[in-house]
Amino acid sequence: MFRGYGVMTDVKCKIQLKEDASPVCIMTPRKVSQPLLPKIKVSLDKMEKLNVISLVKEPTEWCPGIVCVRKPDDTVRICVNLTELNKSVKREVYPMENVDANLAQLGTQYHVYKTIL
């Protein structure tokens, strides 16, 4: 279904944080088994080369933890834990009308079709 990393070039996104948001930084990284370290390095280097992630060379207050898991093909899956950051994100609201409201606007001039596949 999906292959590789997708890059959205036509979309700009700005995530707004709540006023009371405070930086999330883990002080003690999760422990990783020694045999996984070289595979994690390879995976991080690959993601950096593909511009999925970027190296931060200066101090930062934002530093969420990662979880590394061995995949069935013996490579490594790296996931970032953004649970705490997500709590501070302002959510945009996109109200949607329901079917009843749309049908009411049509009045009596509508037909409902059911397609069986």
PDB file of N, CA and C in Angstrom:
ATOM      1  N   MET A   1       0.818  -1.180   0.000  1.00  0.00           N
ATOM      2  CA  MET A   1       0.000   0.000   0.000  1.00  0.00           C
ATOM      3  C   MET A   1       0.870   1.255   0.000  1.00  0.00           C
ATOM      4  N   PHE A   2       1.653   1.459   1.047  1.00  0.00           N
ATOM      5  CA  PHE A   2       2.555   2.607   1.112  1.00  0.00           C
ATOM      6  C   PHE A   2       3.985   2.110   1.045  1.00  0.00           C
ATOM      7  N   ARG A   3       4.824   2.882   0.376  1.00  0.00           N
ATOM      8  CA  ARG A   3       6.241   2.542   0.304  1.00  0.00           C
ATOM      9  C   ARG A   3       7.055   3.797   0.579  1.00  0.00           C
ATOM     10  N   GLY A   4       8.058   3.646   1.405  1.00  0.00           N
ATOM     11  CA  GLY A   4       8.950   4.764   1.680  1.00  0.00           C
ATOM     12  C   GLY A   4       8.294   5.843   2.522  1.00  0.00           C
ATOM     13  N   TYR A   5       8.950   6.997   2.557  1.00  0.00           N
ATOM     14  CA  TYR A   5       8.465   8.133   3.325  1.00  0.00           C
ATOM     15  C   TYR A   5       7.825   9.123   2.371  1.00  0.00           C
ATOM     16  N   GLY A   6       6.673   9.654   2.747  1.00  0.00           N
ATOM     17  CA  GLY A   6       6.012  10.650   1.918  1.00  0.00           C
ATOM     18  C   GLY A   6       6.471  12.045   2.296  1.00  0.00           C
ATOM     19  N   VAL A   7       6.568  12.913   1.308  1.00  0.00           N
ATOM     20  CA  VAL A   7       6.949  14.301   1.555  1.00  0.00           C
ATOM     21  C   VAL A   7       5.852  15.184   0.983  1.00  0.00           C
ATOM     22  N   MET A   8       5.276  16.032   1.819  1.00  0.00           N
ATOM     23  CA  MET A   8       4.243  16.955   1.362  1.00  0.00           C
ATOM     24  C   MET A   8       4.916  18.283   1.050  1.00  0.00           C
ATOM     25  N   THR A   9       4.941  18.646  -0.222  1.00  0.00           N
ATOM     26  CA  THR A   9       5.615  19.882  -0.616  1.00  0.00           C
ATOM     27  C   THR A   9       4.638  21.038  -0.793  1.00  0.00           C
ATOM     28  N   ASP A  10       3.365  20.753  -1.050  1.00  0.00           N
ATOM     29  CA  ASP A  10       2.388  21.807  -1.324  1.00  0.00           C
ATOM     30  C   ASP A  10       1.626  22.251  -0.079  1.00  0.00           C
ATOM     31  N   VAL A  11       1.938  21.677   1.060  1.00  0.00           N
ATOM     32  CA  VAL A  11       1.176  21.959   2.273  1.00  0.00           C
ATOM     33  C   VAL A  11       2.079  22.590   3.318  1.00  0.00           C
ATOM     34  N   LYS A  12       1.618  23.688   3.880  1.00  0.00           N
ATOM     35  CA  LYS A  12       2.338  24.295   4.998  1.00  0.00           C
ATOM     36  C   LYS A  12       1.466  24.115   6.233  1.00  0.00           C
ATOM     37  N   CYS A  13       2.084  23.734   7.293  1.00  0.00           N
ATOM     38  CA  CYS A  13       1.354  23.453   8.521  1.00  0.00           C
ATOM     39  C   CYS A  13       1.996  24.204   9.674  1.00  0.00           C
ATOM     40  N   LYS A  14       1.167  24.828  10.477  1.00  0.00           N
ATOM     41  CA  LYS A  14       1.667  25.495  11.671  1.00  0.00           C
ATOM     42  C   LYS A  14       0.855  24.967  12.845  1.00  0.00           C
ATOM     43  N   ILE A  15       1.533  24.357  13.782  1.00  0.00           N
ATOM     44  CA  ILE A  15       0.873  23.808  14.956  1.00  0.00           C
ATOM     45  C   ILE A  15       0.902  24.867  16.046  1.00  0.00           C
ATOM     46  N   GLN A  16      -0.270  25.247  16.512  1.00  0.00           N
ATOM     47  CA  GLN A  16      -0.352  26.263  17.558  1.00  0.00           C
ATOM     48  C   GLN A  16      -0.494  25.580  18.913  1.00  0.00           C
ATOM     49  N   LEU A  17       0.246  26.094  19.879  1.00  0.00           N
ATOM     50  CA  LEU A  17       0.199  25.538  21.224  1.00  0.00           C
ATOM     51  C   LEU A  17      -0.659  26.410  22.133  1.00  0.00           C
ATOM     52  N   LYS A  18      -1.235  25.791  23.139  1.00  0.00           N
ATOM     53  CA  LYS A  18      -2.000  26.526  24.142  1.00  0.00           C
ATOM     54  C   LYS A  18      -1.058  27.462  24.896  1.00  0.00           C
ATOM     55  N   GLU A  19      -1.633  28.533  25.457  1.00  0.00           N
ATOM     56  CA  GLU A  19      -0.829  29.538  26.145  1.00  0.00           C
ATOM     57  C   GLU A  19      -0.066  28.953  27.335  1.00  0.00           C
ATOM     58  N   ASP A  20      -0.653  27.976  27.991  1.00  0.00           N
ATOM     59  CA  ASP A  20      -0.009  27.404  29.179  1.00  0.00           C
ATOM     60  C   ASP A  20       0.886  26.206  28.856  1.00  0.00           C
ATOM     61  N   ALA A  21       1.212  26.026  27.583  1.00  0.00           N
ATOM     62  CA  ALA A  21       2.054  24.890  27.179  1.00  0.00           C
ATOM     63  C   ALA A  21       3.459  25.038  27.755  1.00  0.00           C
ATOM     64  N   SER A  22       3.972  23.942  28.241  1.00  0.00           N
ATOM     65  CA  SER A  22       5.350  23.959  28.735  1.00  0.00           C
ATOM     66  C   SER A  22       6.140  22.886  27.992  1.00  0.00           C
ATOM     67  N   PRO A  23       7.421  23.119  27.757  1.00  0.00           N
ATOM     68  CA  PRO A  23       8.235  22.170  27.001  1.00  0.00           C
ATOM     69  C   PRO A  23       8.251  20.778  27.634  1.00  0.00           C
ATOM     70  N   VAL A  24       8.327  19.787  26.768  1.00  0.00           N
ATOM     71  CA  VAL A  24       8.393  18.394  27.204  1.00  0.00           C
ATOM     72  C   VAL A  24       9.794  17.890  26.912  1.00  0.00           C
ATOM     73  N   CYS A  25      10.466  17.431  27.926  1.00  0.00           N
ATOM     74  CA  CYS A  25      11.824  16.920  27.745  1.00  0.00           C
ATOM     75  C   CYS A  25      12.055  15.776  28.721  1.00  0.00           C
ATOM     76  N   ILE A  26      12.396  14.614  28.179  1.00  0.00           N
ATOM     77  CA  ILE A  26      12.710  13.502  29.071  1.00  0.00           C
ATOM     78  C   ILE A  26      14.146  13.663  29.543  1.00  0.00           C
ATOM     79  N   MET A  27      14.361  13.459  30.795  1.00  0.00           N
ATOM     80  CA  MET A  27      15.706  13.604  31.352  1.00  0.00           C
ATOM     81  C   MET A  27      16.465  12.276  31.349  1.00  0.00           C
ATOM     82  N   THR A  28      15.724  11.185  31.375  1.00  0.00           N
ATOM     83  CA  THR A  28      16.352   9.867  31.360  1.00  0.00           C
ATOM     84  C   THR A  28      15.830   9.109  30.145  1.00  0.00           C
ATOM     85  N   PRO A  29      16.647   8.919  29.126  1.00  0.00           N
ATOM     86  CA  PRO A  29      16.180   8.210  27.935  1.00  0.00           C
ATOM     87  C   PRO A  29      15.823   6.762  28.255  1.00  0.00           C
ATOM     88  N   ARG A  30      14.934   6.197  27.430  1.00  0.00           N
ATOM     89  CA  ARG A  30      14.591   4.781  27.588  1.00  0.00           C
ATOM     90  C   ARG A  30      15.817   3.934  27.305  1.00  0.00           C
ATOM     91  N   LYS A  31      15.898   2.828  27.992  1.00  0.00           N
ATOM     92  CA  LYS A  31      17.021   1.922  27.761  1.00  0.00           C
ATOM     93  C   LYS A  31      16.776   1.143  26.479  1.00  0.00           C
ATOM     94  N   VAL A  32      17.849   0.954  25.720  1.00  0.00           N
ATOM     95  CA  VAL A  32      17.787   0.211  24.464  1.00  0.00           C
ATOM     96  C   VAL A  32      18.805  -0.912  24.550  1.00  0.00           C
ATOM     97  N   SER A  33      18.414  -2.090  24.072  1.00  0.00           N
ATOM     98  CA  SER A  33      19.350  -3.214  24.138  1.00  0.00           C
ATOM     99  C   SER A  33      20.542  -2.968  23.214  1.00  0.00           C
ATOM    100  N   GLN A  34      21.720  -3.351  23.659  1.00  0.00           N
ATOM    101  CA  GLN A  34      22.969  -3.122  22.916  1.00  0.00           C
ATOM    102  C   GLN A  34      22.909  -3.640  21.477  1.00  0.00           C
ATOM    103  N   PRO A  35      22.371  -4.849  21.215  1.00  0.00           N
ATOM    104  CA  PRO A  35      22.348  -5.331  19.828  1.00  0.00           C
ATOM    105  C   PRO A  35      21.527  -4.452  18.885  1.00  0.00           C
ATOM    106  N   LEU A  36      20.582  -3.672  19.424  1.00  0.00           N
ATOM    107  CA  LEU A  36      19.762  -2.806  18.566  1.00  0.00           C
ATOM    108  C   LEU A  36      20.448  -1.493  18.202  1.00  0.00           C
ATOM    109  N   LEU A  37      21.447  -1.074  18.961  1.00  0.00           N
ATOM    110  CA  LEU A  37      22.058   0.243  18.748  1.00  0.00           C
ATOM    111  C   LEU A  37      22.564   0.476  17.326  1.00  0.00           C
ATOM    112  N   PRO A  38      23.314  -0.464  16.708  1.00  0.00           N
ATOM    113  CA  PRO A  38      23.762  -0.210  15.329  1.00  0.00           C
ATOM    114  C   PRO A  38      22.598  -0.075  14.348  1.00  0.00           C
ATOM    115  N   LYS A  39      21.538  -0.852  14.549  1.00  0.00           N
ATOM    116  CA  LYS A  39      20.377  -0.780  13.654  1.00  0.00           C
ATOM    117  C   LYS A  39      19.628   0.537  13.844  1.00  0.00           C
ATOM    118  N   ILE A  40      19.575   1.012  15.073  1.00  0.00           N
ATOM    119  CA  ILE A  40      18.934   2.300  15.341  1.00  0.00           C
ATOM    120  C   ILE A  40      19.726   3.415  14.669  1.00  0.00           C
ATOM    121  N   LYS A  41      21.044   3.357  14.756  1.00  0.00           N
ATOM    122  CA  LYS A  41      21.911   4.354  14.112  1.00  0.00           C
ATOM    123  C   LYS A  41      21.676   4.376  12.608  1.00  0.00           C
ATOM    124  N   VAL A  42      21.609   3.187  11.993  1.00  0.00           N
ATOM    125  CA  VAL A  42      21.361   3.097  10.544  1.00  0.00           C
ATOM    126  C   VAL A  42      20.011   3.720  10.200  1.00  0.00           C
ATOM    127  N   SER A  43      18.996   3.395  10.986  1.00  0.00           N
ATOM    128  CA  SER A  43      17.657   3.920  10.732  1.00  0.00           C
ATOM    129  C   SER A  43      17.601   5.439  10.902  1.00  0.00           C
ATOM    130  N   LEU A  44      18.223   5.957  11.946  1.00  0.00           N
ATOM    131  CA  LEU A  44      18.244   7.411  12.158  1.00  0.00           C
ATOM    132  C   LEU A  44      19.010   8.126  11.050  1.00  0.00           C
ATOM    133  N   ASP A  45      20.143   7.563  10.626  1.00  0.00           N
ATOM    134  CA  ASP A  45      20.918   8.158   9.529  1.00  0.00           C
ATOM    135  C   ASP A  45      20.102   8.190   8.241  1.00  0.00           C
ATOM    136  N   LYS A  46      19.367   7.107   7.983  1.00  0.00           N
ATOM    137  CA  LYS A  46      18.536   7.036   6.772  1.00  0.00           C
ATOM    138  C   LYS A  46      17.434   8.099   6.826  1.00  0.00           C
ATOM    139  N   MET A  47      16.772   8.231   7.983  1.00  0.00           N
ATOM    140  CA  MET A  47      15.703   9.230   8.107  1.00  0.00           C
ATOM    141  C   MET A  47      16.250  10.650   7.996  1.00  0.00           C
ATOM    142  N   GLU A  48      17.450  10.878   8.503  1.00  0.00           N
ATOM    143  CA  GLU A  48      18.059  12.204   8.379  1.00  0.00           C
ATOM    144  C   GLU A  48      18.397  12.497   6.918  1.00  0.00           C
ATOM    145  N   LYS A  49      18.921  11.509   6.216  1.00  0.00           N
ATOM    146  CA  LYS A  49      19.271  11.683   4.800  1.00  0.00           C
ATOM    147  C   LYS A  49      18.027  11.983   3.957  1.00  0.00           C
ATOM    148  N   LEU A  50      16.882  11.393   4.331  1.00  0.00           N
ATOM    149  CA  LEU A  50      15.631  11.598   3.597  1.00  0.00           C
ATOM    150  C   LEU A  50      14.843  12.816   4.098  1.00  0.00           C
ATOM    151  N   ASN A  51      15.441  13.602   5.003  1.00  0.00           N
ATOM    152  CA  ASN A  51      14.817  14.806   5.569  1.00  0.00           C
ATOM    153  C   ASN A  51      13.544  14.519   6.362  1.00  0.00           C
ATOM    154  N   VAL A  52      13.446  13.322   6.910  1.00  0.00           N
ATOM    155  CA  VAL A  52      12.325  12.993   7.785  1.00  0.00           C
ATOM    156  C   VAL A  52      12.582  13.592   9.162  1.00  0.00           C
ATOM    157  N   ILE A  53      13.834  13.558   9.589  1.00  0.00           N
ATOM    158  CA  ILE A  53      14.253  14.158  10.855  1.00  0.00           C
ATOM    159  C   ILE A  53      15.462  15.040  10.584  1.00  0.00           C
ATOM    160  N   SER A  54      15.783  15.905  11.525  1.00  0.00           N
ATOM    161  CA  SER A  54      16.994  16.718  11.384  1.00  0.00           C
ATOM    162  C   SER A  54      17.733  16.739  12.717  1.00  0.00           C
ATOM    163  N   LEU A  55      19.035  16.800  12.629  1.00  0.00           N
ATOM    164  CA  LEU A  55      19.886  16.819  13.806  1.00  0.00           C
ATOM    165  C   LEU A  55      19.811  18.193  14.466  1.00  0.00           C
ATOM    166  N   VAL A  56      19.606  18.213  15.764  1.00  0.00           N
ATOM    167  CA  VAL A  56      19.577  19.461  16.527  1.00  0.00           C
ATOM    168  C   VAL A  56      20.909  19.570  17.248  1.00  0.00           C
ATOM    169  N   LYS A  57      21.655  20.631  16.928  1.00  0.00           N
ATOM    170  CA  LYS A  57      23.013  20.768  17.473  1.00  0.00           C
ATOM    171  C   LYS A  57      23.106  21.741  18.637  1.00  0.00           C
ATOM    172  N   GLU A  58      22.007  22.389  18.977  1.00  0.00           N
ATOM    173  CA  GLU A  58      22.032  23.322  20.097  1.00  0.00           C
ATOM    174  C   GLU A  58      21.056  22.830  21.170  1.00  0.00           C
ATOM    175  N   PRO A  59      21.167  23.363  22.371  1.00  0.00           N
ATOM    176  CA  PRO A  59      20.254  22.947  23.436  1.00  0.00           C
ATOM    177  C   PRO A  59      18.797  23.225  23.055  1.00  0.00           C
ATOM    178  N   THR A  60      17.911  22.345  23.458  1.00  0.00           N
ATOM    179  CA  THR A  60      16.488  22.520  23.187  1.00  0.00           C
ATOM    180  C   THR A  60      15.679  22.101  24.403  1.00  0.00           C
ATOM    181  N   GLU A  61      14.571  22.785  24.609  1.00  0.00           N
ATOM    182  CA  GLU A  61      13.687  22.431  25.718  1.00  0.00           C
ATOM    183  C   GLU A  61      12.727  21.319  25.324  1.00  0.00           C
ATOM    184  N   TRP A  62      12.550  21.115  24.018  1.00  0.00           N
ATOM    185  CA  TRP A  62      11.604  20.116  23.529  1.00  0.00           C
ATOM    186  C   TRP A  62      12.373  18.857  23.150  1.00  0.00           C
ATOM    187  N   CYS A  63      12.153  17.798  23.886  1.00  0.00           N
ATOM    188  CA  CYS A  63      12.869  16.552  23.623  1.00  0.00           C
ATOM    189  C   CYS A  63      12.028  15.355  24.079  1.00  0.00           C
ATOM    190  N   PRO A  64      11.025  14.971  23.276  1.00  0.00           N
ATOM    191  CA  PRO A  64      10.205  13.819  23.661  1.00  0.00           C
ATOM    192  C   PRO A  64      10.997  12.521  23.498  1.00  0.00           C
ATOM    193  N   GLY A  65      10.559  11.497  24.167  1.00  0.00           N
ATOM    194  CA  GLY A  65      11.262  10.211  24.107  1.00  0.00           C
ATOM    195  C   GLY A  65      10.914   9.420  22.856  1.00  0.00           C
ATOM    196  N   ILE A  66      11.757   8.456  22.545  1.00  0.00           N
ATOM    197  CA  ILE A  66      11.489   7.555  21.429  1.00  0.00           C
ATOM    198  C   ILE A  66      11.390   6.129  21.955  1.00  0.00           C
ATOM    199  N   VAL A  67      10.707   5.306  21.174  1.00  0.00           N
ATOM    200  CA  VAL A  67      10.591   3.881  21.471  1.00  0.00           C
ATOM    201  C   VAL A  67      11.102   3.143  20.245  1.00  0.00           C
ATOM    202  N   CYS A  68      12.018   2.217  20.438  1.00  0.00           N
ATOM    203  CA  CYS A  68      12.607   1.461  19.332  1.00  0.00           C
ATOM    204  C   CYS A  68      12.208  -0.009  19.468  1.00  0.00           C
ATOM    205  N   VAL A  69      11.713  -0.588  18.373  1.00  0.00           N
ATOM    206  CA  VAL A  69      11.254  -1.972  18.391  1.00  0.00           C
ATOM    207  C   VAL A  69      11.793  -2.697  17.168  1.00  0.00           C
ATOM    208  N   ARG A  70      12.198  -3.935  17.358  1.00  0.00           N
ATOM    209  CA  ARG A  70      12.667  -4.743  16.233  1.00  0.00           C
ATOM    210  C   ARG A  70      11.459  -5.188  15.401  1.00  0.00           C
ATOM    211  N   LYS A  71      11.558  -5.017  14.072  1.00  0.00           N
ATOM    212  CA  LYS A  71      10.499  -5.427  13.162  1.00  0.00           C
ATOM    213  C   LYS A  71      10.747  -6.862  12.706  1.00  0.00           C
ATOM    214  N   PRO A  72       9.723  -7.523  12.136  1.00  0.00           N
ATOM    215  CA  PRO A  72       9.888  -8.915  11.698  1.00  0.00           C
ATOM    216  C   PRO A  72      11.027  -9.118  10.691  1.00  0.00           C
ATOM    217  N   ASP A  73      11.319  -8.080   9.870  1.00  0.00           N
ATOM    218  CA  ASP A  73      12.397  -8.220   8.879  1.00  0.00           C
ATOM    219  C   ASP A  73      13.767  -7.886   9.473  1.00  0.00           C
ATOM    220  N   ASP A  74      13.851  -7.769  10.797  1.00  0.00           N
ATOM    221  CA  ASP A  74      15.076  -7.531  11.555  1.00  0.00           C
ATOM    222  C   ASP A  74      15.589  -6.093  11.461  1.00  0.00           C
ATOM    223  N   THR A  75      14.806  -5.182  10.876  1.00  0.00           N
ATOM    224  CA  THR A  75      15.146  -3.764  10.946  1.00  0.00           C
ATOM    225  C   THR A  75      14.498  -3.199  12.212  1.00  0.00           C
ATOM    226  N   VAL A  76      14.596  -1.895  12.394  1.00  0.00           N
ATOM    227  CA  VAL A  76      14.094  -1.285  13.623  1.00  0.00           C
ATOM    228  C   VAL A  76      13.025  -0.246  13.299  1.00  0.00           C
ATOM    229  N   ARG A  77      11.959  -0.264  14.075  1.00  0.00           N
ATOM    230  CA  ARG A  77      10.930   0.772  13.975  1.00  0.00           C
ATOM    231  C   ARG A  77      11.191   1.766  15.102  1.00  0.00           C
ATOM    232  N   ILE A  78      11.249   3.048  14.742  1.00  0.00           N
ATOM    233  CA  ILE A  78      11.485   4.099  15.735  1.00  0.00           C
ATOM    234  C   ILE A  78      10.241   4.978  15.794  1.00  0.00           C
ATOM    235  N   CYS A  79       9.664   5.073  16.974  1.00  0.00           N
ATOM    236  CA  CYS A  79       8.465   5.886  17.178  1.00  0.00           C
ATOM    237  C   CYS A  79       8.763   6.948  18.224  1.00  0.00           C
ATOM    238  N   VAL A  80       8.257   8.142  17.984  1.00  0.00           N
ATOM    239  CA  VAL A  80       8.430   9.215  18.968  1.00  0.00           C
ATOM    240  C   VAL A  80       7.154   9.299  19.802  1.00  0.00           C
ATOM    241  N   ASN A  81       7.305   9.506  21.085  1.00  0.00           N
ATOM    242  CA  ASN A  81       6.166   9.588  21.989  1.00  0.00           C
ATOM    243  C   ASN A  81       5.772  11.057  22.161  1.00  0.00           C
ATOM    244  N   LEU A  82       4.721  11.465  21.466  1.00  0.00           N
ATOM    245  CA  LEU A  82       4.274  12.859  21.509  1.00  0.00           C
ATOM    246  C   LEU A  82       3.033  13.044  22.380  1.00  0.00           C
ATOM    247  N   THR A  83       2.779  12.111  23.277  1.00  0.00           N
ATOM    248  CA  THR A  83       1.589  12.165  24.128  1.00  0.00           C
ATOM    249  C   THR A  83       1.503  13.476  24.900  1.00  0.00           C
ATOM    250  N   GLU A  84       2.565  13.861  25.566  1.00  0.00           N
ATOM    251  CA  GLU A  84       2.546  15.089  26.376  1.00  0.00           C
ATOM    252  C   GLU A  84       2.449  16.336  25.503  1.00  0.00           C
ATOM    253  N   LEU A  85       3.139  16.347  24.382  1.00  0.00           N
ATOM    254  CA  LEU A  85       3.063  17.487  23.467  1.00  0.00           C
ATOM    255  C   LEU A  85       1.642  17.640  22.927  1.00  0.00           C
ATOM    256  N   ASN A  86       1.002  16.532  22.563  1.00  0.00           N
ATOM    257  CA  ASN A  86      -0.353  16.588  22.008  1.00  0.00           C
ATOM    258  C   ASN A  86      -1.353  17.212  22.975  1.00  0.00           C
ATOM    259  N   LYS A  87      -1.118  17.085  24.263  1.00  0.00           N
ATOM    260  CA  LYS A  87      -2.012  17.689  25.252  1.00  0.00           C
ATOM    261  C   LYS A  87      -1.967  19.215  25.185  1.00  0.00           C
ATOM    262  N   SER A  88      -0.905  19.783  24.640  1.00  0.00           N
ATOM    263  CA  SER A  88      -0.729  21.235  24.588  1.00  0.00           C
ATOM    264  C   SER A  88      -1.098  21.846  23.242  1.00  0.00           C
ATOM    265  N   VAL A  89      -1.551  21.040  22.293  1.00  0.00           N
ATOM    266  CA  VAL A  89      -1.870  21.539  20.955  1.00  0.00           C
ATOM    267  C   VAL A  89      -3.283  22.115  20.927  1.00  0.00           C
ATOM    268  N   LYS A  90      -3.420  23.319  20.355  1.00  0.00           N
ATOM    269  CA  LYS A  90      -4.751  23.901  20.142  1.00  0.00           C
ATOM    270  C   LYS A  90      -5.400  23.138  18.992  1.00  0.00           C
ATOM    271  N   ARG A  91      -6.594  22.644  19.208  1.00  0.00           N
ATOM    272  CA  ARG A  91      -7.299  21.873  18.184  1.00  0.00           C
ATOM    273  C   ARG A  91      -8.169  22.795  17.336  1.00  0.00           C
ATOM    274  N   GLU A  92      -8.062  22.636  16.022  1.00  0.00           N
ATOM    275  CA  GLU A  92      -8.934  23.382  15.129  1.00  0.00           C
ATOM    276  C   GLU A  92     -10.241  22.615  15.005  1.00  0.00           C
ATOM    277  N   VAL A  93     -11.333  23.350  14.876  1.00  0.00           N
ATOM    278  CA  VAL A  93     -12.648  22.729  14.805  1.00  0.00           C
ATOM    279  C   VAL A  93     -13.186  22.867  13.389  1.00  0.00           C
ATOM    280  N   TYR A  94     -13.614  21.759  12.832  1.00  0.00           N
ATOM    281  CA  TYR A  94     -14.206  21.733  11.502  1.00  0.00           C
ATOM    282  C   TYR A  94     -15.600  21.117  11.618  1.00  0.00           C
ATOM    283  N   PRO A  95     -16.630  21.935  11.929  1.00  0.00           N
ATOM    284  CA  PRO A  95     -17.973  21.364  12.098  1.00  0.00           C
ATOM    285  C   PRO A  95     -18.501  20.821  10.774  1.00  0.00           C
ATOM    286  N   MET A  96     -19.162  19.693  10.866  1.00  0.00           N
ATOM    287  CA  MET A  96     -19.739  19.059   9.680  1.00  0.00           C
ATOM    288  C   MET A  96     -21.225  18.832   9.927  1.00  0.00           C
ATOM    289  N   GLU A  97     -22.013  19.088   8.902  1.00  0.00           N
ATOM    290  CA  GLU A  97     -23.443  18.823   9.021  1.00  0.00           C
ATOM    291  C   GLU A  97     -23.673  17.325   8.916  1.00  0.00           C
ATOM    292  N   ASN A  98     -24.737  16.875   9.544  1.00  0.00           N
ATOM    293  CA  ASN A  98     -25.053  15.458   9.429  1.00  0.00           C
ATOM    294  C   ASN A  98     -25.993  15.225   8.253  1.00  0.00           C
ATOM    295  N   VAL A  99     -26.269  13.987   7.942  1.00  0.00           N
ATOM    296  CA  VAL A  99     -27.092  13.627   6.787  1.00  0.00           C
ATOM    297  C   VAL A  99     -28.495  14.205   6.922  1.00  0.00           C
ATOM    298  N   ASP A 100     -29.071  14.158   8.113  1.00  0.00           N
ATOM    299  CA  ASP A 100     -30.434  14.668   8.307  1.00  0.00           C
ATOM    300  C   ASP A 100     -30.533  16.152   7.958  1.00  0.00           C
ATOM    301  N   ALA A 101     -29.540  16.935   8.341  1.00  0.00           N
ATOM    302  CA  ALA A 101     -29.560  18.368   8.039  1.00  0.00           C
ATOM    303  C   ALA A 101     -29.483  18.596   6.533  1.00  0.00           C
ATOM    304  N   ASN A 102     -28.663  17.827   5.841  1.00  0.00           N
ATOM    305  CA  ASN A 102     -28.554  17.970   4.388  1.00  0.00           C
ATOM    306  C   ASN A 102     -29.846  17.560   3.694  1.00  0.00           C
ATOM    307  N   LEU A 103     -30.470  16.475   4.137  1.00  0.00           N
ATOM    308  CA  LEU A 103     -31.727  16.032   3.530  1.00  0.00           C
ATOM    309  C   LEU A 103     -32.842  17.038   3.797  1.00  0.00           C
ATOM    310  N   ALA A 104     -32.842  17.657   4.964  1.00  0.00           N
ATOM    311  CA  ALA A 104     -33.866  18.654   5.293  1.00  0.00           C
ATOM    312  C   ALA A 104     -33.773  19.852   4.359  1.00  0.00           C
ATOM    313  N   GLN A 105     -32.581  20.206   3.930  1.00  0.00           N
ATOM    314  CA  GLN A 105     -32.412  21.333   3.009  1.00  0.00           C
ATOM    315  C   GLN A 105     -32.976  21.014   1.633  1.00  0.00           C
ATOM    316  N   LEU A 106     -33.016  19.733   1.274  1.00  0.00           N
ATOM    317  CA  LEU A 106     -33.541  19.346  -0.032  1.00  0.00           C
ATOM    318  C   LEU A 106     -35.066  19.348  -0.065  1.00  0.00           C
ATOM    319  N   GLY A 107     -35.699  19.326   1.072  1.00  0.00           N
ATOM    320  CA  GLY A 107     -37.160  19.280   1.123  1.00  0.00           C
ATOM    321  C   GLY A 107     -37.657  17.911   0.697  1.00  0.00           C
ATOM    322  N   THR A 108     -38.717  17.901  -0.108  1.00  0.00           N
ATOM    323  CA  THR A 108     -39.292  16.611  -0.540  1.00  0.00           C
ATOM    324  C   THR A 108     -38.730  16.160  -1.880  1.00  0.00           C
ATOM    325  N   GLN A 109     -37.841  16.914  -2.468  1.00  0.00           N
ATOM    326  CA  GLN A 109     -37.323  16.617  -3.801  1.00  0.00           C
ATOM    327  C   GLN A 109     -36.015  15.842  -3.745  1.00  0.00           C
ATOM    328  N   TYR A 110     -36.048  14.678  -3.181  1.00  0.00           N
ATOM    329  CA  TYR A 110     -34.829  13.874  -3.156  1.00  0.00           C
ATOM    330  C   TYR A 110     -35.178  12.399  -3.246  1.00  0.00           C
ATOM    331  N   HIS A 111     -34.227  11.626  -3.716  1.00  0.00           N
ATOM    332  CA  HIS A 111     -34.348  10.169  -3.791  1.00  0.00           C
ATOM    333  C   HIS A 111     -33.132   9.579  -3.104  1.00  0.00           C
ATOM    334  N   VAL A 112     -33.352   8.546  -2.356  1.00  0.00           N
ATOM    335  CA  VAL A 112     -32.246   7.875  -1.685  1.00  0.00           C
ATOM    336  C   VAL A 112     -31.984   6.579  -2.430  1.00  0.00           C
ATOM    337  N   TYR A 113     -30.737   6.379  -2.835  1.00  0.00           N
ATOM    338  CA  TYR A 113     -30.346   5.177  -3.549  1.00  0.00           C
ATOM    339  C   TYR A 113     -29.398   4.368  -2.682  1.00  0.00           C
ATOM    340  N   LYS A 114     -29.540   3.079  -2.778  1.00  0.00           N
ATOM    341  CA  LYS A 114     -28.634   2.199  -2.054  1.00  0.00           C
ATOM    342  C   LYS A 114     -27.937   1.337  -3.089  1.00  0.00           C
ATOM    343  N   THR A 115     -26.623   1.360  -3.055  1.00  0.00           N
ATOM    344  CA  THR A 115     -25.844   0.559  -3.988  1.00  0.00           C
ATOM    345  C   THR A 115     -25.309  -0.652  -3.251  1.00  0.00           C
ATOM    346  N   ILE A 116     -25.533  -1.804  -3.821  1.00  0.00           N
ATOM    347  CA  ILE A 116     -25.014  -3.037  -3.237  1.00  0.00           C
ATOM    348  C   ILE A 116     -23.844  -3.488  -4.091  1.00  0.00           C
ATOM    349  N   LEU A 117     -22.692  -3.611  -3.459  1.00  0.00           N
ATOM    350  CA  LEU A 117     -21.495  -4.033  -4.190  1.00  0.00           C
ATOM    351  C   LEU A 117     -21.266  -5.500  -4.031  1.00  0.00           C
TER     352      LEU A 117
END
